[in-house]
Amino acid sequence: MVMDEQQIYREFITWLKQSWYDLPESDELLPMIMAAYSPQDAELLTGMPFSGKNLDDLAALKQMDAADLKIRLDDLARRGLVFCSKKGDSFRYSLNDSFFVFLRSAFWAGRTEEPTKSIAPHVNRYMLNGLFDQYGHVTSKGLRTIPIQSTIDDPRQVLPYEDVVKVLEQEDYFCVSTCACKHRKNLDPDSPSCRYPDKVCLHFGRLAHYMADHELGREITRKEAHEVLSQAAEAGLVHGISNWVNGPDTICNCCPCCCLWFEGFHVLKHSRSLDPSNYRVYTNPETCLGCGLCVERCPMKALHLESSSAANNDSGEIAVLKPDLCLGCGVCVYKCPSDSLVLVRRDETTDPPNDPREYTQRFIANVTALPKLVQDKL
C-alpha cells in the first residue's frame, strides 16, 4: 500500500472516531477499514456529516456534481456504509458510524462474497481485542430484553414498551434481515458455525425503509413479523429490542453463541449481556420434572438442577434459579413441559431511556465517568 493511501485511511479513521463510538488502536483496525472501504470511499467519506444532509449541500461540501455524488452515495448505502432517507423528492445522506457498520449493517444483507467475507474475521478478532471494551463499563446496553409474550404470569402488569405484540402493533412498516452477529461468525472459518436460524432480525420505520430500499433486508408484513418472533421463540432465541421507549427500530433475536452482548458477558466478562426485562423466572419445585430442558435453553446459565427434598419426580432434582443472572426473557418458560416456570415482575423495576438521544447521553456519561486510566485503555 502506497503512503498516500495509508494517509487517506488514517485520516478517515480519525474522522470515524468523531462519532459516539470509538475505534481503539488494534492490529485489526486498519485491515478491517481497508476491507470495508476502498481508498476512494475513505477519501470521499472523510468529513461527511454523521447527521443527515441533503444532496445539494453534500455536493457543495465535496465540490462534486450532485448527480455523480448521488451515484456514489447510493452504492455506499447498498453496502451499509452510508445512511439514506427520502422525504418527498429530497434525498438525505449521512455517514454511518463504526458500530452501525461493523456490528450491524455490513452483515444485514447476508452476502457471502467480497468484501463482506473479508470484513468478518477482522471484526471477530477486533471484538476480542478492543472494539467492544467500551461497553464493558456501560450500564445501559444497546438492547433490552423483551419477554416472550405468553410466558408472563400476569399480563395486566405489562407496560406497552415491555409487550412485544404492542410494539409490533404501533409500527406500520417492517423489514427482516440476516442477523449480523450470526452472519459474521458464519463467514469466519475460525468461528464455529451457528446452529440457530439467522433470518430473524426485525426492523421498523425509517430504518426498515432504508434497509429494504438498499437491499440490506426484505420488506415483510406485520403478520410475517409475528411469525419471525414465533420462530425465534421456538428456537430458543432471546428477543432484544432497541433500548429506549419511544421509537425502537429493531428487535434482534439473539443466540448465546454469536450475539455480541452475550459474547461481551460470557467471553469478555462484562457485568451483563443485554439489559434485563422487568421480569424474572419463578420456579415451582412441586411440579418440576427435573428434565433439564430449561437449563439447556437458558442463554445466561441462570438455571441449574439441584437435588431437593421438595422434588416430586424420579430424578429427585428440581430447577433452581440464580436471580442475578436471569434476563427475564421467557426462553426457558416457553418450552417447560410441566408449566413449572413463569415470569413474574421483579421487586425493583427500571425504565429504559426515552429515546436514542437519551440513550447516547447515558452511554457517553458512563464512559466519561470512568477513571482516566480506564478511559485510556478504551
Protein backbone atom coordinates (compact mmCIF):
# COMPACT_ATOMS: atom_id res chain seq x y z
CA MET A 1 0.00 0.00 0.00
CA VAL A 2 1.46 3.36 -1.01
CA MET A 3 1.93 6.00 1.64
CA ASP A 4 -0.73 8.26 0.13
CA GLU A 5 -3.38 5.57 0.59
CA GLN A 6 -2.25 4.89 4.14
CA GLN A 7 -2.63 8.57 4.96
CA ILE A 8 -6.12 8.58 3.42
CA TYR A 9 -7.16 5.69 5.66
CA ARG A 10 -5.62 7.22 8.77
CA GLU A 11 -7.46 10.48 8.19
CA PHE A 12 -10.68 8.55 7.65
CA ILE A 13 -10.21 6.57 10.87
CA THR A 14 -9.64 9.85 12.72
CA TRP A 15 -12.92 11.14 11.28
CA LEU A 16 -14.83 7.97 12.22
CA LYS A 17 -13.64 8.41 15.79
CA GLN A 18 -15.57 11.70 15.97
CA SER A 19 -18.84 9.75 16.30
CA TRP A 20 -20.25 8.40 19.57
CA TYR A 21 -18.37 5.08 19.25
CA ASP A 22 -14.60 4.92 19.46
CA LEU A 23 -12.20 2.77 17.45
CA PRO A 24 -9.39 1.73 19.83
CA GLU A 25 -5.98 1.07 18.33
CA SER A 26 -5.54 -2.55 17.30
CA ASP A 27 -3.69 -4.63 14.73
CA GLU A 28 -7.12 -5.38 13.25
CA LEU A 29 -8.29 -1.78 12.89
CA LEU A 30 -6.61 -0.76 9.64
CA PRO A 31 -7.15 -4.12 7.88
CA MET A 32 -10.83 -4.02 8.86
CA ILE A 33 -11.25 -0.50 7.48
CA MET A 34 -9.41 -1.43 4.28
CA ALA A 35 -11.65 -4.47 3.79
CA ALA A 36 -14.80 -2.37 4.04
CA TYR A 37 -13.79 0.86 2.28
CA SER A 38 -11.72 1.46 -0.85
CA PRO A 39 -9.26 4.37 -0.73
CA GLN A 40 -11.74 6.30 -2.89
CA ASP A 41 -14.54 5.56 -0.40
CA ALA A 42 -12.41 6.66 2.55
CA GLU A 43 -11.38 9.88 0.86
CA LEU A 44 -14.96 10.74 -0.10
CA LEU A 45 -16.36 9.93 3.35
CA THR A 46 -13.76 11.77 5.41
CA GLY A 47 -15.54 14.86 6.68
CA MET A 48 -19.00 13.62 5.70
CA PRO A 49 -21.53 14.51 8.44
CA PHE A 50 -22.92 11.82 10.75
CA SER A 51 -26.32 13.58 10.65
CA GLY A 52 -28.47 13.72 7.52
CA LYS A 53 -27.73 16.39 4.91
CA ASN A 54 -29.44 16.93 1.58
CA LEU A 55 -27.65 16.04 -1.62
CA ASP A 56 -27.04 19.61 -2.79
CA ASP A 57 -25.37 20.57 0.49
CA LEU A 58 -23.14 17.49 0.35
CA ALA A 59 -22.27 18.19 -3.28
CA ALA A 60 -21.17 21.68 -2.30
CA LEU A 61 -19.20 20.29 0.64
CA LYS A 62 -17.41 17.77 -1.57
CA GLN A 63 -17.21 20.10 -4.58
CA MET A 64 -18.82 17.48 -6.80
CA ASP A 65 -21.65 17.31 -9.28
CA ALA A 66 -24.79 16.29 -7.36
CA ALA A 67 -25.76 13.58 -9.86
CA ASP A 68 -22.30 11.99 -9.75
CA LEU A 69 -22.24 12.17 -5.95
CA LYS A 70 -25.65 10.52 -5.71
CA ILE A 71 -24.44 7.53 -7.71
CA ARG A 72 -21.54 7.02 -5.33
CA LEU A 73 -23.59 7.58 -2.18
CA ASP A 74 -26.31 5.17 -3.31
CA ASP A 75 -23.68 2.48 -3.86
CA LEU A 76 -22.29 3.13 -0.37
CA ALA A 77 -25.81 2.93 1.07
CA ARG A 78 -26.30 -0.50 -0.51
CA ARG A 79 -23.12 -1.58 1.24
CA GLY A 80 -24.40 -0.28 4.60
CA LEU A 81 -21.71 2.41 4.85
CA VAL A 82 -23.94 5.45 4.33
CA PHE A 83 -27.50 6.08 5.55
CA CYS A 84 -30.03 7.34 3.03
CA SER A 85 -33.57 8.57 3.60
CA LYS A 86 -36.08 10.24 1.32
CA LYS A 87 -38.60 12.93 2.15
CA GLY A 88 -40.73 13.95 -0.80
CA ASP A 89 -38.32 14.37 -3.69
CA SER A 90 -35.35 15.14 -1.45
CA PHE A 91 -32.66 12.62 -0.51
CA ARG A 92 -30.66 12.96 2.70
CA TYR A 93 -27.43 11.11 3.40
CA SER A 94 -25.21 10.65 6.44
CA LEU A 95 -22.11 8.65 7.32
CA ASN A 96 -22.84 5.52 9.31
CA ASP A 97 -20.76 5.28 12.48
CA SER A 98 -18.36 2.41 13.11
CA PHE A 99 -20.67 0.49 15.48
CA PHE A 100 -23.51 0.66 12.94
CA VAL A 101 -21.32 -0.56 10.09
CA PHE A 102 -19.16 -3.27 11.59
CA LEU A 103 -21.58 -4.73 14.12
CA ARG A 104 -24.77 -4.25 12.12
CA SER A 105 -25.20 -3.04 8.54
CA ALA A 106 -22.20 -4.72 6.86
CA PHE A 107 -23.81 -8.11 7.53
CA TRP A 108 -27.58 -7.50 7.34
CA ALA A 109 -27.89 -8.46 3.67
CA GLY A 110 -26.41 -11.89 4.31
CA ARG A 111 -23.94 -11.52 1.45
CA THR A 112 -21.22 -14.16 1.23
CA GLU A 113 -18.98 -12.55 -1.40
CA GLU A 114 -16.31 -9.89 -1.03
CA PRO A 115 -15.95 -7.51 0.72
CA THR A 116 -18.32 -8.89 3.38
CA LYS A 117 -16.42 -12.16 3.59
CA SER A 118 -13.14 -10.33 4.25
CA ILE A 119 -14.58 -7.98 6.87
CA ALA A 120 -15.94 -10.69 9.19
CA PRO A 121 -12.67 -12.22 10.53
CA HIS A 122 -11.24 -8.77 11.29
CA VAL A 123 -14.35 -7.74 13.22
CA ASN A 124 -14.42 -11.02 15.15
CA ARG A 125 -10.80 -10.67 16.23
CA TYR A 126 -11.16 -6.96 16.94
CA MET A 127 -14.20 -7.72 19.12
CA LEU A 128 -11.91 -9.66 21.44
CA ASN A 129 -9.11 -7.11 21.28
CA GLY A 130 -10.53 -3.69 21.97
CA LEU A 131 -13.55 -2.95 19.80
CA PHE A 132 -16.14 -3.88 22.44
CA ASP A 133 -14.21 -2.86 25.56
CA GLN A 134 -16.02 0.45 25.90
CA TYR A 135 -19.29 -1.41 26.50
CA GLY A 136 -17.80 -3.36 29.39
CA HIS A 137 -18.38 -0.42 31.75
CA VAL A 138 -21.68 0.88 30.35
CA THR A 139 -24.79 0.27 32.43
CA SER A 140 -27.32 0.66 29.58
CA LYS A 141 -26.62 -1.85 26.84
CA GLY A 142 -27.72 -1.41 23.24
CA LEU A 143 -30.52 -3.97 23.53
CA ARG A 144 -33.07 -4.58 26.27
CA THR A 145 -34.67 -7.97 26.82
CA ILE A 146 -38.36 -8.09 25.96
CA PRO A 147 -40.19 -11.22 27.17
CA ILE A 148 -41.88 -13.80 25.00
CA GLN A 149 -45.46 -12.68 25.49
CA SER A 150 -47.04 -15.99 26.54
CA THR A 151 -44.54 -16.52 29.36
CA ILE A 152 -45.63 -13.69 31.69
CA ASP A 153 -47.71 -14.68 34.71
CA ASP A 154 -49.91 -11.55 34.89
CA PRO A 155 -50.18 -9.75 31.51
CA ARG A 156 -52.18 -6.91 33.16
CA GLN A 157 -48.93 -5.58 34.67
CA VAL A 158 -47.16 -5.34 31.32
CA LEU A 159 -46.33 -1.82 30.16
CA PRO A 160 -46.60 -1.10 26.41
CA TYR A 161 -42.83 -0.94 25.90
CA GLU A 162 -42.49 -4.37 27.60
CA ASP A 163 -45.05 -6.05 25.33
CA VAL A 164 -43.60 -7.37 22.08
CA VAL A 165 -47.05 -7.60 20.49
CA LYS A 166 -47.90 -3.97 21.31
CA VAL A 167 -44.54 -2.91 19.86
CA LEU A 168 -45.48 -4.50 16.55
CA GLU A 169 -48.98 -3.03 16.67
CA GLN A 170 -47.63 0.53 16.78
CA GLU A 171 -45.44 0.04 13.70
CA ASP A 172 -46.58 0.34 10.08
CA TYR A 173 -43.55 -0.80 8.09
CA PHE A 174 -41.49 -3.94 8.67
CA CYS A 175 -38.27 -5.44 7.37
CA VAL A 176 -36.43 -8.66 8.17
CA SER A 177 -32.69 -9.08 7.83
CA THR A 178 -29.99 -11.63 8.41
CA CYS A 179 -28.69 -11.48 11.99
CA ALA A 180 -25.43 -9.53 11.75
CA CYS A 181 -23.82 -11.39 14.66
CA LYS A 182 -24.63 -14.86 13.33
CA HIS A 183 -23.57 -13.98 9.79
CA ARG A 184 -20.16 -12.56 10.68
CA LYS A 185 -19.48 -15.68 12.75
CA ASN A 186 -20.65 -17.99 9.95
CA LEU A 187 -18.43 -16.20 7.41
CA ASP A 188 -15.32 -16.67 9.54
CA PRO A 189 -13.56 -20.03 9.10
CA ASP A 190 -12.07 -19.62 12.58
CA SER A 191 -15.52 -19.37 14.23
CA PRO A 192 -17.88 -22.32 14.73
CA SER A 193 -21.00 -22.24 12.55
CA CYS A 194 -24.18 -21.18 14.32
CA ARG A 195 -26.98 -23.75 14.57
CA TYR A 196 -29.76 -21.19 15.08
CA PRO A 197 -31.93 -19.62 12.34
CA ASP A 198 -30.39 -16.39 11.07
CA LYS A 199 -33.12 -14.56 9.10
CA VAL A 200 -34.66 -13.34 12.35
CA CYS A 201 -33.83 -9.67 12.93
CA LEU A 202 -36.79 -7.29 12.64
CA HIS A 203 -36.59 -3.58 11.84
CA PHE A 204 -39.21 -0.86 11.71
CA GLY A 205 -39.99 2.59 10.38
CA ARG A 206 -37.26 4.78 8.89
CA LEU A 207 -34.53 2.18 9.42
CA ALA A 208 -36.62 -0.53 7.76
CA HIS A 209 -37.27 1.70 4.73
CA TYR A 210 -33.55 2.37 4.37
CA MET A 211 -32.76 -1.33 4.56
CA ALA A 212 -35.44 -2.50 2.14
CA ASP A 213 -34.70 0.30 -0.33
CA HIS A 214 -30.99 -0.60 -0.40
CA GLU A 215 -31.22 -4.41 -0.39
CA LEU A 216 -29.99 -4.78 3.18
CA GLY A 217 -33.22 -6.51 4.23
CA ARG A 218 -36.60 -7.58 2.90
CA GLU A 219 -39.93 -5.83 3.43
CA ILE A 220 -42.44 -8.05 5.25
CA THR A 221 -45.96 -7.74 6.66
CA ARG A 222 -46.91 -7.39 10.31
CA LYS A 223 -48.15 -10.99 10.20
CA GLU A 224 -44.78 -12.16 8.92
CA ALA A 225 -43.08 -10.22 11.70
CA HIS A 226 -45.16 -12.14 14.25
CA GLU A 227 -44.15 -15.37 12.53
CA VAL A 228 -40.46 -14.42 12.87
CA LEU A 229 -40.97 -13.89 16.61
CA SER A 230 -42.69 -17.28 16.92
CA GLN A 231 -39.86 -18.97 15.04
CA ALA A 232 -37.35 -17.29 17.34
CA ALA A 233 -39.21 -18.37 20.48
CA GLU A 234 -39.34 -21.96 19.27
CA ALA A 235 -35.61 -21.92 18.54
CA GLY A 236 -34.71 -20.52 21.96
CA LEU A 237 -33.63 -17.04 20.84
CA VAL A 238 -33.91 -14.01 23.11
CA HIS A 239 -36.00 -11.03 21.92
CA GLY A 240 -33.74 -7.98 22.28
CA ILE A 241 -35.29 -4.61 21.47
CA SER A 242 -33.69 -1.19 20.96
CA ASN A 243 -33.04 0.06 24.48
CA TRP A 244 -35.37 3.07 24.51
CA VAL A 245 -39.10 3.54 24.99
CA ASN A 246 -40.11 5.77 22.08
CA GLY A 247 -39.44 4.72 18.53
CA PRO A 248 -37.50 1.45 18.86
CA ASP A 249 -36.36 0.44 15.38
CA THR A 250 -35.09 -3.11 15.92
CA ILE A 251 -35.93 -6.39 17.58
CA CYS A 252 -32.97 -8.75 17.36
CA ASN A 253 -33.44 -12.41 18.17
CA CYS A 254 -30.24 -13.32 19.92
CA CYS A 255 -28.40 -16.61 20.36
CA PRO A 256 -25.91 -17.20 23.17
CA CYS A 257 -23.11 -18.28 20.83
CA CYS A 258 -22.94 -15.30 18.42
CA CYS A 259 -24.76 -12.29 19.90
CA LEU A 260 -22.28 -9.51 20.65
CA TRP A 261 -24.00 -8.79 24.00
CA PHE A 262 -23.75 -12.43 25.10
CA GLU A 263 -20.16 -12.56 23.84
CA GLY A 264 -19.46 -9.48 25.95
CA PHE A 265 -20.77 -11.28 29.02
CA HIS A 266 -19.55 -14.84 28.51
CA VAL A 267 -16.22 -14.19 26.79
CA LEU A 268 -15.17 -10.64 27.66
CA LYS A 269 -16.62 -10.89 31.20
CA HIS A 270 -18.74 -7.74 31.06
CA SER A 271 -21.04 -7.26 34.03
CA ARG A 272 -24.17 -8.04 31.98
CA SER A 273 -25.27 -9.04 28.49
CA LEU A 274 -28.49 -7.44 27.28
CA ASP A 275 -30.30 -5.24 29.78
CA PRO A 276 -32.76 -7.49 31.63
CA SER A 277 -36.50 -7.10 31.41
CA ASN A 278 -38.57 -6.13 34.44
CA TYR A 279 -39.39 -9.83 34.96
CA ARG A 280 -37.61 -12.87 36.30
CA VAL A 281 -38.32 -16.58 36.36
CA TYR A 282 -40.28 -18.19 39.18
CA THR A 283 -39.82 -21.96 39.53
CA ASN A 284 -42.39 -24.32 41.05
CA PRO A 285 -40.50 -27.22 42.70
CA GLU A 286 -43.69 -29.23 43.28
CA THR A 287 -44.38 -29.72 39.58
CA CYS A 288 -40.82 -29.57 38.18
CA LEU A 289 -39.91 -32.75 36.27
CA GLY A 290 -36.18 -32.23 36.65
CA CYS A 291 -35.82 -32.74 32.91
CA GLY A 292 -33.19 -30.01 32.49
CA LEU A 293 -34.69 -28.50 29.32
CA CYS A 294 -34.79 -25.06 30.94
CA VAL A 295 -31.11 -25.38 31.90
CA GLU A 296 -30.26 -26.25 28.30
CA ARG A 297 -32.23 -23.32 26.86
CA CYS A 298 -31.11 -20.58 29.25
CA PRO A 299 -28.62 -18.28 27.46
CA MET A 300 -27.24 -16.93 30.75
CA LYS A 301 -26.75 -20.25 32.59
CA ALA A 302 -29.05 -18.84 35.23
CA LEU A 303 -30.73 -22.20 35.91
CA HIS A 304 -29.27 -25.44 37.18
CA LEU A 305 -30.60 -28.74 38.51
CA GLU A 306 -30.23 -29.43 42.20
CA SER A 307 -31.19 -32.34 44.44
CA SER A 308 -34.09 -31.38 46.67
CA SER A 309 -36.47 -32.99 49.15
CA ALA A 310 -39.22 -30.92 47.51
CA ALA A 311 -38.84 -32.80 44.23
CA ASN A 312 -41.85 -34.86 43.12
CA ASN A 313 -40.12 -36.64 40.25
CA ASP A 314 -37.98 -39.72 39.63
CA SER A 315 -34.72 -37.80 39.37
CA GLY A 316 -35.05 -36.09 42.75
CA GLU A 317 -33.84 -32.85 41.19
CA ILE A 318 -35.50 -29.51 40.52
CA ALA A 319 -34.60 -26.42 38.55
CA VAL A 320 -33.05 -23.67 40.69
CA LEU A 321 -32.58 -20.07 39.60
CA LYS A 322 -29.68 -17.67 40.15
CA PRO A 323 -31.81 -14.50 40.15
CA ASP A 324 -28.93 -12.10 39.43
CA LEU A 325 -28.28 -13.81 36.09
CA CYS A 326 -31.89 -14.01 34.89
CA LEU A 327 -32.72 -11.77 31.89
CA GLY A 328 -36.46 -12.33 32.16
CA CYS A 329 -36.60 -13.40 28.51
CA GLY A 330 -39.00 -16.34 28.90
CA VAL A 331 -36.95 -18.68 26.72
CA CYS A 332 -36.98 -21.34 29.44
CA VAL A 333 -40.64 -20.80 30.31
CA TYR A 334 -41.80 -21.13 26.70
CA LYS A 335 -40.87 -24.82 26.43
CA CYS A 336 -41.30 -26.08 30.01
CA PRO A 337 -43.22 -29.38 29.60
CA SER A 338 -44.86 -29.20 33.04
CA ASP A 339 -45.58 -25.44 33.14
CA SER A 340 -43.38 -25.20 36.22
CA LEU A 341 -41.82 -21.91 35.17
CA VAL A 342 -43.35 -18.48 34.75
CA LEU A 343 -42.13 -14.88 34.53
CA VAL A 344 -43.07 -12.67 37.49
CA ARG A 345 -42.47 -8.97 37.91
CA ARG A 346 -39.27 -8.04 39.75
CA ASP A 347 -39.50 -6.27 43.10
CA GLU A 348 -37.41 -3.42 41.68
CA THR A 349 -38.01 -2.32 38.10
CA THR A 350 -36.19 0.13 35.86
CA ASP A 351 -37.26 2.22 32.89
CA PRO A 352 -35.11 2.36 29.75
CA PRO A 353 -34.06 5.70 28.20
CA ASN A 354 -36.84 7.63 26.49
CA ASP A 355 -35.25 7.86 23.04
CA PRO A 356 -31.97 7.36 21.14
CA ARG A 357 -30.70 10.79 22.19
CA GLU A 358 -31.11 9.98 25.89
CA TYR A 359 -29.57 6.56 25.34
CA THR A 360 -26.48 8.10 23.71
CA GLN A 361 -26.22 10.65 26.52
CA ARG A 362 -26.23 7.82 29.08
CA PHE A 363 -23.57 5.94 27.12
CA ILE A 364 -21.26 8.94 26.87
CA ALA A 365 -21.81 9.82 30.54
CA ASN A 366 -20.88 6.25 31.54
CA VAL A 367 -17.67 6.28 29.52
CA THR A 368 -16.54 9.76 30.56
CA ALA A 369 -17.26 8.99 34.25
CA LEU A 370 -14.65 6.23 34.23
CA PRO A 371 -11.26 6.81 35.82
CA LYS A 372 -8.82 8.24 33.30
CA LEU A 373 -6.65 5.12 33.49
CA VAL A 374 -9.60 3.03 32.27
CA GLN A 375 -10.56 5.60 29.60
CA ASP A 376 -7.05 5.49 28.21
CA LYS A 377 -7.39 1.74 27.65
CA LEU A 378 -10.61 2.13 25.67
